[in-house]
C-alpha cells in the first residue's frame, strides 16, 4: 500500500484531467449537432429499450396530456406500461385510445386498488426494457427527456451509475404544452454524499437501470408516502450514483386538490423524517444488499467529514520531502472505509500538484470540471479500501485499468 501512495506522490505532476464533455442542448448546439451526437452514441431504434411505467387512478383530467408527452418522445425505442389501479373513472378509456393508436402502449389492470408503490412494482416486474422511467399520470415529459438522459448515461456510464436524472419544474394542473428540454447547467452528480439524506429528486426525474431497481426489490409497498425517496436512498447508500442530463426535461403538475404529500402531509412528513434520519445513523446490517459498488455503513457525516478533510491532508502529504512520511500522513487521517467517498469527490492528483507547487512557491491552478472529476482514476485511493476492492465488479473500468 505504501508503494502505491508513493507512486501517486511521484506521478502527480504527470497526470492530466480527462477532457470535460457536456452534451449540449438544441438551443446551444443546433438540432443537426444533437442529431449527429445521437447517431454517434448509438441512439435510435436500435438503442436500448426504455420502459415507461404510468400508474393511473382517477386521473382522467390529466392522463391524456401525460400520455401525449410520452408519444411525442424524440427517442423511439420505448414501451409504455399503463397500470390501471382500479380508479373507476374515465382514465381507462383514455388509456385504451393510446393502446389502439400505438402498439408501444399496453395496459395491465389490478384486480383491486393496491396503491402507488404496488402499481409501480407491477410495471417493474413486467418491464422488458434496459432502463425505467416512472411517470405519474398527472405529470409530463419534454419531448427529448428520454434522449437527454440516455446521452448522459452513454457519456458517463459506469457500473456504479444507477441512472441519469433531469430537472423538473412545477406547473398548474392545466398545463399542457409539449416542448423540448431547456438547458440546466447547475446540476451535479447525486450520490450518498451530495444527497446528505435529502430526497434528491421527484419520481419522474431519473432514467434508471431496471437491473438496479430489481436488485433492491423495487418500491417498499408498506410505505404509503415517500416510497420513491426511500428507494433512492437505499440505492445511494450502496455506492450508486445518478449523473445529470444538464436539462430541465419534466413537468410536475400540481392538482387543485394537492398531491398525495399535501393530502396526507403528516404521514408524508413522518415517513420522510424517518428516511432522512436513517442516513445519519449506522446502516442496519440486515438491510445490506449484496453485489453493490460500496456500502456506506456509517452515518453520512462520517464520510462527508472525511471528504472535506481529505483536501488538506492530500495536499500536505504531497508537500513533505519524506515519501514515507507522506504515506504516514494519509494513513493517519483518512480511514480506509472513507476512500470510496473520497475517490468520487476529490481530485487527488490536482491536490498533490497544488501541494508540490506550494513547496516551491508556485501558485495553484484552476479547479477542474465538477462532473468529470467525479470519475477520477485515482486508483490508489480506491485500492486502499479493502471493502471497495472486493465489491468492484470486473467490468468496472476503474477496477481493471
Protein backbone atom coordinates (compact mmCIF):
# COMPACT_ATOMS: atom_id res chain seq x y z
CA UNK A 1 0.00 0.00 0.00
CA UNK A 2 2.78 2.43 0.87
CA UNK A 3 4.32 1.88 -2.59
CA UNK A 4 1.02 2.83 -4.25
CA UNK A 5 0.84 6.04 -2.24
CA UNK A 6 4.41 6.95 -3.10
CA UNK A 7 3.79 6.28 -6.80
CA UNK A 8 0.89 8.70 -6.55
CA UNK A 9 3.11 11.40 -5.00
CA UNK A 10 5.86 10.94 -7.59
CA UNK A 11 3.47 10.82 -10.53
CA UNK A 12 1.19 13.68 -9.50
CA UNK A 13 2.76 16.28 -11.78
CA UNK A 14 2.45 13.98 -14.78
CA UNK A 15 -1.29 13.44 -14.53
CA UNK A 16 -3.79 15.39 -16.60
CA UNK A 17 -7.56 15.50 -16.04
CA UNK A 18 -9.84 13.95 -18.63
CA UNK A 19 -11.46 16.27 -21.17
CA UNK A 20 -14.69 17.78 -19.88
CA UNK A 21 -17.52 16.75 -22.22
CA UNK A 22 -21.00 18.16 -21.81
CA UNK A 23 -23.87 17.20 -24.12
CA UNK A 24 -25.16 20.47 -25.49
CA UNK A 25 -28.83 21.34 -25.75
CA UNK A 26 -30.56 22.09 -29.07
CA UNK A 27 -30.50 25.79 -28.17
CA UNK A 28 -26.72 25.87 -27.82
CA UNK A 29 -25.61 23.24 -30.34
CA UNK A 30 -28.29 23.28 -33.01
CA UNK A 31 -30.61 20.45 -33.98
CA UNK A 32 -28.19 18.99 -36.55
CA UNK A 33 -25.38 18.78 -33.98
CA UNK A 34 -27.57 16.99 -31.47
CA UNK A 35 -28.82 14.61 -34.17
CA UNK A 36 -25.22 13.83 -35.14
CA UNK A 37 -24.27 13.27 -31.49
CA UNK A 38 -27.23 10.91 -31.07
CA UNK A 39 -26.09 8.92 -34.09
CA UNK A 40 -22.52 8.80 -32.82
CA UNK A 41 -23.57 7.45 -29.44
CA UNK A 42 -25.81 4.78 -30.96
CA UNK A 43 -29.28 6.18 -30.24
CA UNK A 44 -32.22 5.40 -32.47
CA UNK A 45 -34.45 2.38 -32.99
CA UNK A 46 -31.50 0.09 -32.22
CA UNK A 47 -30.74 1.79 -28.91
CA UNK A 48 -31.66 0.33 -25.52
CA UNK A 49 -35.35 -0.28 -24.85
CA UNK A 50 -36.78 2.10 -22.24
CA UNK A 51 -39.81 1.05 -20.20
CA UNK A 52 -42.09 3.90 -19.10
CA UNK A 53 -44.37 2.96 -16.20
CA UNK A 54 -47.51 5.08 -15.74
CA UNK A 55 -49.86 4.06 -12.91
CA UNK A 56 -53.27 5.71 -13.05
CA UNK A 57 -56.06 6.10 -10.50
CA UNK A 58 -58.83 8.64 -11.12
CA UNK A 59 -56.65 10.73 -13.43
CA UNK A 60 -58.99 11.31 -16.37
CA UNK A 61 -58.46 15.09 -16.19
CA UNK A 62 -54.71 14.80 -16.65
CA UNK A 63 -53.67 11.49 -18.18
CA UNK A 64 -54.26 12.42 -21.83
CA UNK A 65 -51.52 15.06 -21.83
CA UNK A 66 -49.25 12.78 -19.83
CA UNK A 67 -49.52 10.10 -22.50
CA UNK A 68 -49.25 12.63 -25.32
CA UNK A 69 -45.90 13.68 -23.87
CA UNK A 70 -44.80 10.04 -23.94
CA UNK A 71 -45.95 9.55 -27.53
CA UNK A 72 -44.04 12.68 -28.58
CA UNK A 73 -40.63 11.41 -27.41
CA UNK A 74 -37.80 12.01 -29.88
CA UNK A 75 -36.30 8.68 -28.85
CA UNK A 76 -38.43 5.95 -30.39
CA UNK A 77 -37.38 2.69 -28.73
CA UNK A 78 -39.67 2.64 -25.71
CA UNK A 79 -42.62 0.74 -24.31
CA UNK A 80 -45.19 2.33 -22.01
CA UNK A 81 -46.91 0.13 -19.42
CA UNK A 82 -50.12 1.68 -18.09
CA UNK A 83 -51.11 0.30 -14.69
CA UNK A 84 -54.84 0.51 -14.05
CA UNK A 85 -55.14 0.69 -10.25
CA UNK A 86 -58.95 0.48 -10.27
CA UNK A 87 -59.84 4.14 -10.16
CA UNK A 88 -63.24 3.66 -11.76
CA UNK A 89 -63.31 6.89 -13.81
CA UNK A 90 -62.64 7.63 -17.47
CA UNK A 91 -58.90 7.13 -17.27
CA UNK A 92 -59.11 3.61 -18.63
CA UNK A 93 -60.92 4.60 -21.81
CA UNK A 94 -58.28 7.28 -22.49
CA UNK A 95 -55.54 4.74 -21.90
CA UNK A 96 -57.20 2.36 -24.36
CA UNK A 97 -57.19 5.07 -27.02
CA UNK A 98 -53.40 5.19 -26.86
CA UNK A 99 -53.09 1.40 -26.88
CA UNK A 100 -55.22 1.32 -30.04
CA UNK A 101 -53.16 4.01 -31.77
CA UNK A 102 -49.68 2.87 -30.78
CA UNK A 103 -48.62 -0.71 -30.04
CA UNK A 104 -45.87 0.55 -27.74
CA UNK A 105 -48.57 1.24 -25.13
CA UNK A 106 -50.10 -1.62 -23.15
CA UNK A 107 -52.35 -1.84 -20.09
CA UNK A 108 -52.03 -4.05 -17.04
CA UNK A 109 -55.02 -3.98 -14.71
CA UNK A 110 -55.05 -4.64 -10.97
CA UNK A 111 -57.95 -6.66 -9.61
CA UNK A 112 -58.24 -4.21 -6.73
CA UNK A 113 -56.70 -0.90 -5.73
CA UNK A 114 -53.20 -1.60 -4.40
CA UNK A 115 -51.61 1.83 -4.15
CA UNK A 116 -48.85 3.68 -5.97
CA UNK A 117 -45.86 1.63 -4.78
CA UNK A 118 -47.55 -1.62 -5.78
CA UNK A 119 -48.59 -0.22 -9.16
CA UNK A 120 -45.02 0.87 -9.92
CA UNK A 121 -43.75 -2.56 -8.90
CA UNK A 122 -46.24 -4.19 -11.26
CA UNK A 123 -44.68 -2.16 -14.06
CA UNK A 124 -41.19 -3.07 -12.85
CA UNK A 125 -41.98 -6.80 -12.96
CA UNK A 126 -43.45 -6.53 -16.46
CA UNK A 127 -40.71 -4.29 -17.88
CA UNK A 128 -38.82 -5.60 -20.90
CA UNK A 129 -36.53 -2.59 -21.16
CA UNK A 130 -32.99 -1.93 -20.00
CA UNK A 131 -33.97 1.36 -18.37
CA UNK A 132 -37.03 2.54 -16.45
CA UNK A 133 -38.93 5.80 -16.47
CA UNK A 134 -41.55 6.15 -13.72
CA UNK A 135 -44.16 8.75 -14.62
CA UNK A 136 -47.25 9.65 -12.60
CA UNK A 137 -50.43 10.09 -14.62
CA UNK A 138 -50.65 13.81 -13.93
CA UNK A 139 -47.05 14.72 -14.84
CA UNK A 140 -45.35 15.22 -18.20
CA UNK A 141 -42.06 14.78 -20.04
CA UNK A 142 -40.43 17.14 -22.50
CA UNK A 143 -40.12 15.68 -25.99
CA UNK A 144 -36.41 14.84 -25.66
CA UNK A 145 -36.46 13.78 -21.99
CA UNK A 146 -35.56 10.15 -22.68
CA UNK A 147 -32.89 11.05 -25.22
CA UNK A 148 -31.20 13.62 -22.97
CA UNK A 149 -30.76 11.16 -20.14
CA UNK A 150 -29.66 8.32 -22.39
CA UNK A 151 -26.94 10.58 -23.77
CA UNK A 152 -25.76 11.33 -20.24
CA UNK A 153 -25.70 7.61 -19.42
CA UNK A 154 -23.68 6.84 -22.52
CA UNK A 155 -21.23 9.60 -21.71
CA UNK A 156 -20.70 8.72 -18.06
CA UNK A 157 -21.97 5.14 -17.87
CA UNK A 158 -20.02 3.01 -15.41
CA UNK A 159 -21.15 0.11 -13.19
CA UNK A 160 -21.68 2.43 -10.20
CA UNK A 161 -24.01 4.73 -12.21
CA UNK A 162 -27.62 3.73 -11.48
CA UNK A 163 -29.17 6.23 -13.85
CA UNK A 164 -29.32 9.77 -15.20
CA UNK A 165 -31.65 12.45 -13.88
CA UNK A 166 -33.16 15.67 -15.17
CA UNK A 167 -34.52 18.78 -13.51
CA UNK A 168 -38.30 19.28 -13.39
CA UNK A 169 -40.40 22.38 -12.96
CA UNK A 170 -43.80 22.78 -11.30
CA UNK A 171 -46.81 23.97 -13.29
CA UNK A 172 -50.53 24.18 -12.68
CA UNK A 173 -52.66 21.13 -13.47
CA UNK A 174 -53.99 22.82 -16.62
CA UNK A 175 -50.54 22.99 -18.19
CA UNK A 176 -50.43 21.01 -21.46
CA UNK A 177 -47.53 22.38 -23.52
CA UNK A 178 -45.33 19.68 -25.03
CA UNK A 179 -41.90 21.09 -25.82
CA UNK A 180 -38.21 20.29 -25.91
CA UNK A 181 -35.97 20.46 -22.84
CA UNK A 182 -34.34 23.63 -21.58
CA UNK A 183 -30.66 23.66 -20.52
CA UNK A 184 -29.92 23.45 -16.82
CA UNK A 185 -26.23 23.90 -16.03
CA UNK A 186 -26.18 23.99 -12.23
CA UNK A 187 -26.58 20.23 -11.77
CA UNK A 188 -24.21 17.78 -10.11
CA UNK A 189 -23.69 14.08 -9.65
CA UNK A 190 -26.07 12.79 -6.97
CA UNK A 191 -24.71 10.18 -4.58
CA UNK A 192 -24.94 9.41 -0.86
CA UNK A 193 -22.57 12.26 -0.02
CA UNK A 194 -24.18 15.00 -2.11
CA UNK A 195 -27.74 13.94 -1.21
CA UNK A 196 -26.91 14.32 2.51
CA UNK A 197 -30.02 12.35 3.45
CA UNK A 198 -32.44 14.53 1.47
CA UNK A 199 -34.71 13.27 -1.29
CA UNK A 200 -32.62 14.03 -4.40
CA UNK A 201 -35.39 14.31 -6.99
CA UNK A 202 -39.02 13.60 -7.89
CA UNK A 203 -40.04 10.16 -9.10
CA UNK A 204 -40.05 11.01 -12.80
CA UNK A 205 -36.63 12.73 -12.78
CA UNK A 206 -34.38 9.68 -13.18
CA UNK A 207 -33.98 7.27 -16.05
CA UNK A 208 -32.77 4.29 -14.06
CA UNK A 209 -31.37 0.84 -14.71
CA UNK A 210 -34.00 -1.89 -14.49
CA UNK A 211 -31.43 -4.26 -13.01
CA UNK A 212 -30.55 -1.83 -10.21
CA UNK A 213 -34.19 -1.29 -9.23
CA UNK A 214 -34.78 -5.04 -9.22
CA UNK A 215 -31.62 -5.55 -7.18
CA UNK A 216 -33.26 -3.52 -4.41
CA UNK A 217 -36.67 -5.16 -4.73
CA UNK A 218 -38.39 -2.10 -6.15
CA UNK A 219 -40.58 0.15 -4.01
CA UNK A 220 -41.46 -0.69 -0.42
CA UNK A 221 -45.18 -1.42 -0.63
CA UNK A 222 -45.59 -0.96 3.11
CA UNK A 223 -44.95 2.75 2.61
CA UNK A 224 -47.93 4.82 1.51
CA UNK A 225 -45.87 8.02 1.38
CA UNK A 226 -42.29 8.85 0.31
CA UNK A 227 -41.79 5.42 -1.25
CA UNK A 228 -39.66 6.89 -4.05
CA UNK A 229 -37.48 8.80 -1.53
CA UNK A 230 -36.94 5.50 0.30
CA UNK A 231 -35.84 3.69 -2.88
CA UNK A 232 -33.43 6.44 -3.95
CA UNK A 233 -31.74 6.46 -0.54
CA UNK A 234 -31.34 2.69 -0.45
CA UNK A 235 -29.68 2.82 -3.86
CA UNK A 236 -27.40 5.74 -2.98
CA UNK A 237 -26.31 4.19 0.29
CA UNK A 238 -24.95 1.22 -1.63
CA UNK A 239 -22.45 3.22 -3.66
CA UNK A 240 -24.52 4.02 -6.74
CA UNK A 241 -24.88 7.50 -8.17
CA UNK A 242 -27.01 9.38 -10.71
CA UNK A 243 -25.46 11.61 -13.37
CA UNK A 244 -27.16 14.83 -14.55
CA UNK A 245 -28.59 15.37 -18.01
CA UNK A 246 -27.94 19.12 -17.70
CA UNK A 247 -31.53 19.79 -18.73
CA UNK A 248 -35.00 20.62 -17.49
CA UNK A 249 -36.93 17.77 -19.06
CA UNK A 250 -40.00 17.19 -16.90
CA UNK A 251 -43.15 18.85 -15.65
CA UNK A 252 -44.70 18.31 -12.23
CA UNK A 253 -48.34 19.37 -12.48
CA UNK A 254 -49.90 20.48 -9.22
CA UNK A 255 -53.51 19.36 -8.87
CA UNK A 256 -56.03 21.77 -7.29
CA UNK A 257 -56.66 19.15 -4.60
CA UNK A 258 -52.93 18.82 -3.96
CA UNK A 259 -50.53 15.93 -4.25
CA UNK A 260 -50.52 12.83 -2.08
CA UNK A 261 -47.90 14.55 0.07
CA UNK A 262 -50.21 17.53 0.60
CA UNK A 263 -53.32 15.44 1.21
CA UNK A 264 -51.50 13.29 3.75
CA UNK A 265 -49.00 15.87 4.91
CA UNK A 266 -48.44 14.50 8.41
CA UNK A 267 -47.98 10.94 7.20
CA UNK A 268 -45.62 12.12 4.47
CA UNK A 269 -43.60 14.17 6.95
CA UNK A 270 -43.33 11.23 9.34
CA UNK A 271 -42.10 8.92 6.59
CA UNK A 272 -39.69 11.49 5.15
CA UNK A 273 -38.12 12.28 8.53
CA UNK A 274 -37.55 8.58 9.22
CA UNK A 275 -35.79 8.18 5.88
CA UNK A 276 -33.73 11.32 6.41
CA UNK A 277 -32.64 10.28 9.88
CA UNK A 278 -31.69 6.79 8.68
CA UNK A 279 -28.94 8.35 6.56
CA UNK A 280 -27.48 9.87 9.71
CA UNK A 281 -27.31 6.59 11.61
CA UNK A 282 -25.34 3.39 11.16
CA UNK A 283 -26.87 1.16 8.50
CA UNK A 284 -28.72 -1.86 9.81
CA UNK A 285 -26.63 -4.77 8.51
CA UNK A 286 -29.80 -6.73 7.74
CA UNK A 287 -30.61 -4.11 5.10
CA UNK A 288 -27.39 -4.51 3.17
CA UNK A 289 -27.74 -5.63 -0.45
CA UNK A 290 -25.07 -7.86 -1.95
CA UNK A 291 -23.19 -7.13 -5.16
CA UNK A 292 -23.31 -3.34 -4.95
CA UNK A 293 -20.38 -0.94 -5.59
CA UNK A 294 -19.89 0.06 -1.94
CA UNK A 295 -21.89 0.11 1.31
CA UNK A 296 -21.90 3.29 3.38
CA UNK A 297 -22.29 1.53 6.72
CA UNK A 298 -21.62 4.54 8.93
CA UNK A 299 -23.58 7.80 9.16
CA UNK A 300 -23.39 10.36 6.37
CA UNK A 301 -21.33 12.80 8.46
CA UNK A 302 -18.52 10.26 8.88
CA UNK A 303 -17.90 10.16 5.13
CA UNK A 304 -18.70 13.82 4.44
CA UNK A 305 -16.18 14.93 7.07
CA UNK A 306 -13.51 12.70 5.55
CA UNK A 307 -14.14 14.17 2.09
CA UNK A 308 -13.78 17.72 3.41
CA UNK A 309 -10.71 16.84 5.43
CA UNK A 310 -9.00 14.95 2.61
CA UNK A 311 -8.33 18.08 0.54
CA UNK A 312 -5.98 19.41 3.18
CA UNK A 313 -4.50 16.02 4.07
CA UNK A 314 -3.63 15.06 0.50
CA UNK A 315 -2.13 18.46 -0.26
CA UNK A 316 0.09 18.42 2.80
CA UNK A 317 1.09 14.80 2.20
CA UNK A 318 2.43 15.85 -1.19
CA UNK A 319 4.34 18.76 0.38
CA UNK A 320 6.53 16.59 2.60
CA UNK A 321 10.01 15.76 1.33
CA UNK A 322 9.89 12.38 3.07
CA UNK A 323 7.97 9.86 0.97
CA UNK A 324 7.47 7.52 3.90
CA UNK A 325 6.10 10.42 5.93
CA UNK A 326 3.64 11.22 3.10
CA UNK A 327 2.17 7.74 3.39
CA UNK A 328 2.01 8.02 7.17
CA UNK A 329 0.08 11.31 6.93
CA UNK A 330 -2.55 9.82 4.65
CA UNK A 331 -2.95 6.66 6.71
CA UNK A 332 -3.21 8.64 9.95
CA UNK A 333 -6.03 10.96 8.86
CA UNK A 334 -8.02 9.12 6.19
CA UNK A 335 -9.52 5.76 7.26
CA UNK A 336 -9.69 3.06 4.62
CA UNK A 337 -13.51 2.87 4.66
CA UNK A 338 -13.76 6.54 3.63
CA UNK A 339 -11.69 6.09 0.47
CA UNK A 340 -14.60 5.23 -1.82
CA UNK A 341 -16.30 8.54 -0.98
CA UNK A 342 -13.04 10.45 -1.24
CA UNK A 343 -12.22 8.92 -4.62
CA UNK A 344 -15.54 10.21 -6.02
CA UNK A 345 -15.26 13.75 -4.71
CA UNK A 346 -11.60 14.69 -4.56
CA UNK A 347 -9.14 15.04 -7.43
CA UNK A 348 -6.10 13.75 -5.56
CA UNK A 349 -3.65 14.36 -8.39
CA UNK A 350 -4.58 18.06 -8.57
CA UNK A 351 -4.27 18.44 -4.80
CA UNK A 352 -0.86 16.79 -4.90
CA UNK A 353 0.17 19.20 -7.64
CA UNK A 354 -1.01 22.15 -5.54
CA UNK A 355 0.94 20.86 -2.57
CA UNK A 356 4.12 20.40 -4.57
CA UNK A 357 3.71 23.87 -6.10
CA UNK A 358 3.39 25.37 -2.65
CA UNK A 359 6.72 23.87 -1.62
CA UNK A 360 8.46 25.67 -4.50
CA UNK A 361 6.42 28.88 -4.30
CA UNK A 362 4.16 28.42 -7.32
CA UNK A 363 0.52 29.41 -7.05
CA UNK A 364 -2.27 26.84 -7.59
CA UNK A 365 -4.11 26.02 -10.80
CA UNK A 366 -7.74 26.29 -11.88
CA UNK A 367 -10.31 23.96 -10.36
CA UNK A 368 -11.29 21.07 -12.67
CA UNK A 369 -14.80 20.44 -14.00
CA UNK A 370 -17.09 19.20 -11.26
CA UNK A 371 -18.73 16.42 -13.26
CA UNK A 372 -15.76 14.72 -14.90
CA UNK A 373 -13.81 14.90 -11.64
CA UNK A 374 -16.33 12.56 -10.08
CA UNK A 375 -14.99 9.79 -12.31
CA UNK A 376 -11.34 10.14 -11.34
CA UNK A 377 -8.91 7.30 -11.94
CA UNK A 378 -7.02 7.77 -8.69
CA UNK A 379 -6.78 4.03 -8.22
CA UNK A 380 -4.55 4.25 -5.19
CA UNK A 381 -7.47 5.80 -3.29
CA UNK A 382 -9.92 3.07 -4.22
CA UNK A 383 -7.37 0.33 -3.58
CA UNK A 384 -6.85 1.50 -0.02
CA UNK A 385 -10.32 0.30 0.86
CA UNK A 386 -10.42 -3.47 1.11
CA UNK A 387 -14.20 -3.42 1.02
CA UNK A 388 -14.21 -1.35 -2.17
CA UNK A 389 -11.79 -3.68 -3.91
CA UNK A 390 -13.93 -6.67 -3.02
CA UNK A 391 -17.14 -5.05 -4.23
CA UNK A 392 -15.98 -3.56 -7.53
CA UNK A 393 -17.01 -5.78 -10.42
CA UNK A 394 -14.57 -6.98 -13.05
CA UNK A 395 -16.45 -4.93 -15.64
CA UNK A 396 -15.73 -1.68 -13.80
CA UNK A 397 -13.06 0.17 -15.80
CA UNK A 398 -11.76 1.62 -12.54
CA UNK A 399 -11.07 -1.90 -11.29
CA UNK A 400 -9.41 -3.20 -14.43
CA UNK A 401 -7.42 -0.23 -15.68
